[in-house]
């Protein structure tokens, strides 16, 4: 487990998480939370004859799963808190069909000392089980604030 001061040593490290199922119930709940009820997400009968043959997860649902999918991939001790700092770039490359399993691979790409602590940059790739092309690739930033 690295400390905030040692995060620079993590640059270049990669880790892959566990598989996670994106089921229709989760897609429906996300649609309710965001008021995005487009048929390709929530209407299995109509989606069956659509371009993907089934409903698909919202791209932003897949993105919103990053904290869960990647949370255990970079462990940092001695922090008061870790916060999402932002995203530099996100690309949605492949739709995630309902019932698919996804997982994240994270590569630490940078660590910068800032007044509040350390800002860690990573590239996170979300893959879909059985598919060669990833669901998304995101350049993420997290802020690690050390314990006082």
C-alpha atoms as a PDB file:
ATOM      1  CA  UNK A   1       0.000   0.000   0.000  1.00  0.00           C
ATOM      2  CA  UNK A   2       1.595   3.285  -1.128  1.00  0.00           C
ATOM      3  CA  UNK A   3       1.527   6.540   0.793  1.00  0.00           C
ATOM      4  CA  UNK A   4       0.652   9.814  -0.954  1.00  0.00           C
ATOM      5  CA  UNK A   5       4.350  10.724  -0.980  1.00  0.00           C
ATOM      6  CA  UNK A   6       5.191   7.458  -2.766  1.00  0.00           C
ATOM      7  CA  UNK A   7       2.582   7.749  -5.522  1.00  0.00           C
ATOM      8  CA  UNK A   8       5.193   8.858  -8.053  1.00  0.00           C
ATOM      9  CA  UNK A   9       6.606   5.321  -7.774  1.00  0.00           C
ATOM     10  CA  UNK A  10       3.255   3.964  -8.986  1.00  0.00           C
ATOM     11  CA  UNK A  11       3.555   5.612 -12.418  1.00  0.00           C
ATOM     12  CA  UNK A  12       3.556   2.886 -15.055  1.00  0.00           C
ATOM     13  CA  UNK A  13       1.869   0.313 -12.838  1.00  0.00           C
ATOM     14  CA  UNK A  14      -1.195  -1.511 -14.178  1.00  0.00           C
ATOM     15  CA  UNK A  15      -3.912  -3.460 -12.415  1.00  0.00           C
ATOM     16  CA  UNK A  16      -7.056  -5.254 -13.566  1.00  0.00           C
ATOM     17  CA  UNK A  17     -10.229  -5.531 -11.509  1.00  0.00           C
ATOM     18  CA  UNK A  18     -12.954  -8.098 -11.097  1.00  0.00           C
ATOM     19  CA  UNK A  19     -15.813  -8.728 -13.521  1.00  0.00           C
ATOM     20  CA  UNK A  20     -19.076  -6.903 -12.824  1.00  0.00           C
ATOM     21  CA  UNK A  21     -22.457  -7.604 -14.453  1.00  0.00           C
ATOM     22  CA  UNK A  22     -24.391  -4.699 -15.955  1.00  0.00           C
ATOM     23  CA  UNK A  23     -27.953  -6.044 -15.855  1.00  0.00           C
ATOM     24  CA  UNK A  24     -31.206  -4.564 -17.111  1.00  0.00           C
ATOM     25  CA  UNK A  25     -32.304  -3.606 -13.595  1.00  0.00           C
ATOM     26  CA  UNK A  26     -29.206  -1.400 -13.206  1.00  0.00           C
ATOM     27  CA  UNK A  27     -29.785   0.124 -16.646  1.00  0.00           C
ATOM     28  CA  UNK A  28     -33.416   0.865 -15.750  1.00  0.00           C
ATOM     29  CA  UNK A  29     -32.393   2.409 -12.416  1.00  0.00           C
ATOM     30  CA  UNK A  30     -29.869   4.634 -14.188  1.00  0.00           C
ATOM     31  CA  UNK A  31     -32.535   5.653 -16.697  1.00  0.00           C
ATOM     32  CA  UNK A  32     -34.812   6.615 -13.805  1.00  0.00           C
ATOM     33  CA  UNK A  33     -32.044   8.533 -12.030  1.00  0.00           C
ATOM     34  CA  UNK A  34     -31.086  10.514 -15.137  1.00  0.00           C
ATOM     35  CA  UNK A  35     -34.500  10.720 -16.873  1.00  0.00           C
ATOM     36  CA  UNK A  36     -32.887   9.181 -19.972  1.00  0.00           C
ATOM     37  CA  UNK A  37     -35.428   6.564 -21.051  1.00  0.00           C
ATOM     38  CA  UNK A  38     -34.302   6.171 -24.662  1.00  0.00           C
ATOM     39  CA  UNK A  39     -35.664   2.887 -26.035  1.00  0.00           C
ATOM     40  CA  UNK A  40     -32.216   1.413 -26.785  1.00  0.00           C
ATOM     41  CA  UNK A  41     -31.703   1.336 -23.019  1.00  0.00           C
ATOM     42  CA  UNK A  42     -35.089   0.459 -21.515  1.00  0.00           C
ATOM     43  CA  UNK A  43     -37.301  -1.269 -24.114  1.00  0.00           C
ATOM     44  CA  UNK A  44     -36.084  -4.865 -24.593  1.00  0.00           C
ATOM     45  CA  UNK A  45     -38.785  -5.715 -27.158  1.00  0.00           C
ATOM     46  CA  UNK A  46     -38.020  -2.748 -29.408  1.00  0.00           C
ATOM     47  CA  UNK A  47     -34.267  -3.060 -28.850  1.00  0.00           C
ATOM     48  CA  UNK A  48     -34.372  -6.706 -29.985  1.00  0.00           C
ATOM     49  CA  UNK A  49     -34.965  -5.474 -33.531  1.00  0.00           C
ATOM     50  CA  UNK A  50     -32.638  -2.489 -33.158  1.00  0.00           C
ATOM     51  CA  UNK A  51     -28.998  -2.107 -34.158  1.00  0.00           C
ATOM     52  CA  UNK A  52     -27.585  -4.006 -31.150  1.00  0.00           C
ATOM     53  CA  UNK A  53     -30.150  -6.817 -30.864  1.00  0.00           C
ATOM     54  CA  UNK A  54     -30.754  -5.998 -27.203  1.00  0.00           C
ATOM     55  CA  UNK A  55     -30.811  -3.080 -24.821  1.00  0.00           C
ATOM     56  CA  UNK A  56     -27.502  -1.412 -24.038  1.00  0.00           C
ATOM     57  CA  UNK A  57     -26.173   0.435 -21.012  1.00  0.00           C
ATOM     58  CA  UNK A  58     -25.974   4.204 -21.190  1.00  0.00           C
ATOM     59  CA  UNK A  59     -22.413   5.313 -21.872  1.00  0.00           C
ATOM     60  CA  UNK A  60     -22.621   7.513 -18.789  1.00  0.00           C
ATOM     61  CA  UNK A  61     -23.746   4.502 -16.738  1.00  0.00           C
ATOM     62  CA  UNK A  62     -20.568   2.679 -17.738  1.00  0.00           C
ATOM     63  CA  UNK A  63     -18.557   5.796 -16.902  1.00  0.00           C
ATOM     64  CA  UNK A  64     -20.309   6.134 -13.538  1.00  0.00           C
ATOM     65  CA  UNK A  65     -19.169   2.603 -12.647  1.00  0.00           C
ATOM     66  CA  UNK A  66     -15.488   3.640 -12.697  1.00  0.00           C
ATOM     67  CA  UNK A  67     -15.302   4.308  -8.945  1.00  0.00           C
ATOM     68  CA  UNK A  68     -16.590   0.794  -8.272  1.00  0.00           C
ATOM     69  CA  UNK A  69     -14.632  -0.949 -11.034  1.00  0.00           C
ATOM     70  CA  UNK A  70     -11.313   0.754 -10.272  1.00  0.00           C
ATOM     71  CA  UNK A  71     -11.539   1.515  -6.539  1.00  0.00           C
ATOM     72  CA  UNK A  72      -9.410  -1.391  -5.398  1.00  0.00           C
ATOM     73  CA  UNK A  73      -6.823  -1.121  -8.173  1.00  0.00           C
ATOM     74  CA  UNK A  74      -4.719   1.670  -6.657  1.00  0.00           C
ATOM     75  CA  UNK A  75      -4.334   1.390  -2.887  1.00  0.00           C
ATOM     76  CA  UNK A  76      -3.000   4.399  -1.033  1.00  0.00           C
ATOM     77  CA  UNK A  77      -2.450   4.500   2.706  1.00  0.00           C
ATOM     78  CA  UNK A  78      -2.053   7.530   4.918  1.00  0.00           C
ATOM     79  CA  UNK A  79      -4.784   9.564   3.268  1.00  0.00           C
ATOM     80  CA  UNK A  80      -7.554  11.525   4.911  1.00  0.00           C
ATOM     81  CA  UNK A  81      -9.591  11.224   1.721  1.00  0.00           C
ATOM     82  CA  UNK A  82      -9.409  10.531  -1.968  1.00  0.00           C
ATOM     83  CA  UNK A  83     -11.582  12.492  -4.370  1.00  0.00           C
ATOM     84  CA  UNK A  84     -12.447  12.366  -8.037  1.00  0.00           C
ATOM     85  CA  UNK A  85     -10.675  15.398  -9.492  1.00  0.00           C
ATOM     86  CA  UNK A  86     -11.911  15.111 -13.056  1.00  0.00           C
ATOM     87  CA  UNK A  87     -11.554  13.581 -16.464  1.00  0.00           C
ATOM     88  CA  UNK A  88      -9.246  14.775 -19.203  1.00  0.00           C
ATOM     89  CA  UNK A  89     -10.649  12.593 -21.973  1.00  0.00           C
ATOM     90  CA  UNK A  90     -13.368   9.959 -22.314  1.00  0.00           C
ATOM     91  CA  UNK A  91     -14.212   7.863 -25.347  1.00  0.00           C
ATOM     92  CA  UNK A  92     -17.168   5.464 -25.552  1.00  0.00           C
ATOM     93  CA  UNK A  93     -15.960   2.832 -28.014  1.00  0.00           C
ATOM     94  CA  UNK A  94     -18.343  -0.122 -27.794  1.00  0.00           C
ATOM     95  CA  UNK A  95     -21.906  -0.387 -26.454  1.00  0.00           C
ATOM     96  CA  UNK A  96     -22.378  -2.573 -23.369  1.00  0.00           C
ATOM     97  CA  UNK A  97     -25.291  -4.988 -23.983  1.00  0.00           C
ATOM     98  CA  UNK A  98     -27.564  -5.657 -21.012  1.00  0.00           C
ATOM     99  CA  UNK A  99     -26.310  -8.661 -19.057  1.00  0.00           C
ATOM    100  CA  UNK A 100     -22.672  -8.123 -20.067  1.00  0.00           C
ATOM    101  CA  UNK A 101     -19.798  -8.385 -17.655  1.00  0.00           C
ATOM    102  CA  UNK A 102     -17.288  -5.538 -17.585  1.00  0.00           C
ATOM    103  CA  UNK A 103     -14.041  -4.894 -15.737  1.00  0.00           C
ATOM    104  CA  UNK A 104     -11.509  -2.086 -15.530  1.00  0.00           C
ATOM    105  CA  UNK A 105      -7.803  -2.007 -16.136  1.00  0.00           C
ATOM    106  CA  UNK A 106      -6.020   1.016 -14.719  1.00  0.00           C
ATOM    107  CA  UNK A 107      -2.584   2.311 -15.637  1.00  0.00           C
ATOM    108  CA  UNK A 108      -1.137   5.080 -13.492  1.00  0.00           C
ATOM    109  CA  UNK A 109       0.211   7.700 -15.905  1.00  0.00           C
ATOM    110  CA  UNK A 110       1.269  10.545 -13.637  1.00  0.00           C
ATOM    111  CA  UNK A 111       1.548  11.851 -10.086  1.00  0.00           C
ATOM    112  CA  UNK A 112       1.832  15.538  -9.289  1.00  0.00           C
ATOM    113  CA  UNK A 113       2.331  17.187  -5.921  1.00  0.00           C
ATOM    114  CA  UNK A 114      -0.274  19.907  -5.426  1.00  0.00           C
ATOM    115  CA  UNK A 115      -0.993  22.100  -2.385  1.00  0.00           C
ATOM    116  CA  UNK A 116      -3.791  19.754  -1.196  1.00  0.00           C
ATOM    117  CA  UNK A 117      -1.813  16.525  -1.647  1.00  0.00           C
ATOM    118  CA  UNK A 118      -1.088  14.433  -4.735  1.00  0.00           C
ATOM    119  CA  UNK A 119      -3.037  14.471  -7.997  1.00  0.00           C
ATOM    120  CA  UNK A 120      -2.861  11.058  -9.649  1.00  0.00           C
ATOM    121  CA  UNK A 121      -3.531  10.603 -13.369  1.00  0.00           C
ATOM    122  CA  UNK A 122      -4.612   7.228 -14.738  1.00  0.00           C
ATOM    123  CA  UNK A 123      -5.884   5.715 -17.938  1.00  0.00           C
ATOM    124  CA  UNK A 124      -8.816   3.426 -17.224  1.00  0.00           C
ATOM    125  CA  UNK A 125     -10.013   0.969 -19.849  1.00  0.00           C
ATOM    126  CA  UNK A 126     -13.336  -0.798 -19.344  1.00  0.00           C
ATOM    127  CA  UNK A 127     -13.472  -4.056 -21.237  1.00  0.00           C
ATOM    128  CA  UNK A 128     -16.483  -6.205 -22.025  1.00  0.00           C
ATOM    129  CA  UNK A 129     -16.100  -9.929 -21.490  1.00  0.00           C
ATOM    130  CA  UNK A 130     -15.828 -11.726 -24.832  1.00  0.00           C
ATOM    131  CA  UNK A 131     -15.293  -8.539 -26.854  1.00  0.00           C
ATOM    132  CA  UNK A 132     -11.985  -7.354 -28.314  1.00  0.00           C
ATOM    133  CA  UNK A 133     -12.830  -3.657 -28.325  1.00  0.00           C
ATOM    134  CA  UNK A 134     -13.245  -1.847 -24.970  1.00  0.00           C
ATOM    135  CA  UNK A 135     -16.455  -0.210 -23.827  1.00  0.00           C
ATOM    136  CA  UNK A 136     -14.632   2.964 -22.898  1.00  0.00           C
ATOM    137  CA  UNK A 137     -11.250   4.508 -22.249  1.00  0.00           C
ATOM    138  CA  UNK A 138     -10.970   7.423 -19.815  1.00  0.00           C
ATOM    139  CA  UNK A 139      -8.116   9.556 -18.600  1.00  0.00           C
ATOM    140  CA  UNK A 140      -9.004  10.146 -14.956  1.00  0.00           C
ATOM    141  CA  UNK A 141      -7.639  12.364 -12.202  1.00  0.00           C
ATOM    142  CA  UNK A 142      -7.882  11.710  -8.472  1.00  0.00           C
ATOM    143  CA  UNK A 143      -6.765  13.865  -5.581  1.00  0.00           C
ATOM    144  CA  UNK A 144      -5.234  12.149  -2.544  1.00  0.00           C
ATOM    145  CA  UNK A 145      -5.214  14.339   0.560  1.00  0.00           C
ATOM    146  CA  UNK A 146      -2.772  13.137   3.231  1.00  0.00           C
ATOM    147  CA  UNK A 147      -3.714  12.658   6.864  1.00  0.00           C
ATOM    148  CA  UNK A 148      -2.729  15.581   9.064  1.00  0.00           C
END
